[in-house]
Amino acid sequence: MGQEITASGESSAADTTFEPGCIFCSILRRAIPATVVQETERTLAFRDIAPQAPTHVLVIPRTHAYPNAAELAAGDPGLTAELLRAGAAVAAAEGLTEDGYRMVFNTGDYAGQTVYHVHLHVLGGDALGRFGTP
């Protein structure tokens, strides 16, 4: 916390870029409100506004440089690991570790990705069932 973001969208965090019109970039700039549950120098975690489970938190990098998980993994493996660590920390803070939780990256339209600023879903709080339809 205490991350300084200027009116021009610059931040003191490393690798921070913003894209006009991106809802997640607007949340990072605090132009759109969000219920933030955790912050690190390079990540932000906040509650999903349309939760698919009792606990549904999104973890995003503070950069718009990567539209999906595949490009993030290829371009910045360290940031990929940071998102996963932040997701695990969110799950622990939310009390999900004993019963289990799911971490998901949707990549592309067919996977249901609607915001092309890479993000990790942390879901739990109830039995989640199986993925997809046969």
Protein backbone atom coordinates (compact mmCIF):
# COMPACT_ATOMS: atom_id res chain seq x y z
CA MET A 1 0.00 0.00 0.00
CA GLY A 2 1.04 3.60 -0.27
CA GLN A 3 1.76 3.14 -3.99
CA GLU A 4 2.04 6.58 -5.59
CA ILE A 5 0.39 6.84 -8.97
CA THR A 6 0.59 10.18 -10.76
CA ALA A 7 -2.15 11.82 -12.83
CA SER A 8 -0.28 10.74 -15.95
CA GLY A 9 -0.61 7.11 -14.86
CA GLU A 10 3.02 6.64 -13.84
CA SER A 11 3.82 4.68 -10.72
CA SER A 12 6.83 4.16 -8.53
CA ALA A 13 6.47 0.40 -9.08
CA ALA A 14 8.71 -1.26 -11.64
CA ASP A 15 7.25 -2.08 -15.08
CA THR A 16 4.03 -0.09 -14.63
CA THR A 17 2.13 0.74 -17.80
CA PHE A 18 -1.51 1.72 -18.28
CA GLU A 19 -3.86 1.39 -21.23
CA PRO A 20 -6.65 3.95 -21.71
CA GLY A 21 -10.04 2.24 -21.58
CA CYS A 22 -8.81 -0.81 -19.62
CA ILE A 23 -11.00 -1.32 -16.55
CA PHE A 24 -8.13 -2.91 -14.61
CA CYS A 25 -5.80 -0.01 -15.42
CA SER A 26 -8.55 2.33 -14.18
CA ILE A 27 -8.70 0.35 -10.93
CA LEU A 28 -4.91 0.60 -10.61
CA ARG A 29 -5.14 4.38 -11.09
CA ARG A 30 -7.98 4.43 -8.51
CA ALA A 31 -10.25 6.02 -11.15
CA ILE A 32 -12.71 3.14 -10.60
CA PRO A 33 -13.36 1.92 -7.06
CA ALA A 34 -12.58 -1.65 -6.07
CA THR A 35 -12.48 -3.61 -2.84
CA VAL A 36 -8.75 -4.18 -2.56
CA VAL A 37 -7.75 -7.15 -0.42
CA GLN A 38 -3.99 -7.18 -0.97
CA GLU A 39 -1.26 -5.13 -2.64
CA THR A 40 2.39 -5.74 -3.40
CA GLU A 41 4.86 -3.62 -5.32
CA ARG A 42 3.94 -5.38 -8.57
CA THR A 43 0.42 -6.78 -7.96
CA LEU A 44 -3.05 -5.71 -6.82
CA ALA A 45 -5.79 -8.07 -5.61
CA PHE A 46 -9.44 -7.04 -5.40
CA ARG A 47 -12.89 -8.64 -5.20
CA ASP A 48 -14.60 -9.51 -8.48
CA ILE A 49 -17.77 -7.46 -9.03
CA ALA A 50 -19.54 -10.51 -10.52
CA PRO A 51 -18.34 -13.32 -8.24
CA GLN A 52 -18.56 -16.92 -9.47
CA ALA A 53 -17.93 -18.33 -5.97
CA PRO A 54 -18.41 -17.08 -2.39
CA THR A 55 -14.82 -15.83 -2.55
CA HIS A 56 -13.73 -14.51 -5.95
CA VAL A 57 -10.67 -12.27 -6.01
CA LEU A 58 -8.76 -11.05 -9.07
CA VAL A 59 -5.00 -10.61 -8.89
CA ILE A 60 -3.50 -8.34 -11.54
CA PRO A 61 -0.04 -7.04 -12.30
CA ARG A 62 0.53 -3.30 -12.10
CA THR A 63 1.36 -3.32 -15.79
CA HIS A 64 -0.80 -3.65 -18.88
CA ALA A 65 2.16 -5.11 -20.81
CA TYR A 66 0.70 -8.64 -21.00
CA PRO A 67 -2.81 -9.37 -22.29
CA ASN A 68 -2.87 -13.01 -21.18
CA ALA A 69 -1.10 -15.68 -19.14
CA ALA A 70 0.83 -17.13 -22.09
CA GLU A 71 2.39 -13.78 -22.96
CA LEU A 72 3.11 -13.06 -19.29
CA ALA A 73 4.84 -16.41 -18.80
CA ALA A 74 6.98 -15.85 -21.90
CA GLY A 75 7.73 -12.21 -21.17
CA ASP A 76 8.20 -12.11 -17.41
CA PRO A 77 8.38 -15.46 -15.59
CA GLY A 78 9.20 -13.65 -12.36
CA LEU A 79 5.99 -11.62 -12.49
CA THR A 80 4.08 -14.80 -13.32
CA ALA A 81 5.42 -16.33 -10.12
CA GLU A 82 4.55 -13.17 -8.19
CA LEU A 83 0.92 -13.38 -9.34
CA LEU A 84 0.76 -17.00 -8.18
CA ARG A 85 2.36 -16.13 -4.83
CA ALA A 86 -0.08 -13.26 -4.39
CA GLY A 87 -2.97 -15.60 -5.27
CA ALA A 88 -1.83 -18.10 -2.64
CA ALA A 89 -1.49 -15.31 -0.07
CA VAL A 90 -5.03 -14.12 -0.87
CA ALA A 91 -6.34 -17.67 -0.47
CA ALA A 92 -4.62 -17.95 2.93
CA ALA A 93 -5.89 -14.55 4.08
CA GLU A 94 -9.42 -15.48 2.98
CA GLY A 95 -9.29 -18.76 4.93
CA LEU A 96 -9.46 -20.99 1.85
CA THR A 97 -6.41 -23.19 2.35
CA GLU A 98 -7.99 -25.89 4.49
CA ASP A 99 -10.91 -26.74 2.19
CA GLY A 100 -9.21 -25.78 -1.07
CA TYR A 101 -9.41 -23.13 -3.72
CA ARG A 102 -8.94 -22.68 -7.44
CA MET A 103 -6.58 -20.32 -9.28
CA VAL A 104 -7.47 -19.71 -12.94
CA PHE A 105 -6.07 -17.73 -15.85
CA ASN A 106 -8.51 -17.40 -18.77
CA THR A 107 -6.60 -16.93 -22.02
CA GLY A 108 -8.58 -15.88 -25.08
CA ASP A 109 -12.22 -15.50 -26.06
CA TYR A 110 -13.03 -19.22 -26.01
CA ALA A 111 -11.75 -19.47 -22.45
CA GLY A 112 -14.00 -16.61 -21.38
CA GLN A 113 -11.39 -13.87 -21.11
CA THR A 114 -13.17 -10.52 -21.27
CA VAL A 115 -10.46 -8.15 -20.05
CA TYR A 116 -7.16 -8.32 -21.93
CA HIS A 117 -4.99 -7.28 -18.99
CA VAL A 118 -3.68 -10.56 -17.60
CA HIS A 119 -5.39 -11.52 -14.35
CA LEU A 120 -5.58 -14.47 -12.01
CA HIS A 121 -8.90 -15.56 -10.51
CA VAL A 122 -8.80 -16.93 -6.94
CA LEU A 123 -12.04 -18.78 -6.19
CA GLY A 124 -13.21 -20.69 -3.14
CA GLY A 125 -15.46 -20.74 -0.14
CA ASP A 126 -17.60 -23.63 -1.40
CA ALA A 127 -17.24 -26.80 -3.47
CA LEU A 128 -16.52 -25.52 -6.97
CA GLY A 129 -17.38 -28.56 -9.05
CA ARG A 130 -15.86 -29.59 -12.36
CA PHE A 131 -14.55 -27.33 -15.10
CA GLY A 132 -16.42 -26.69 -18.34
CA THR A 133 -19.02 -28.74 -20.11
CA PRO A 134 -18.41 -32.10 -21.78
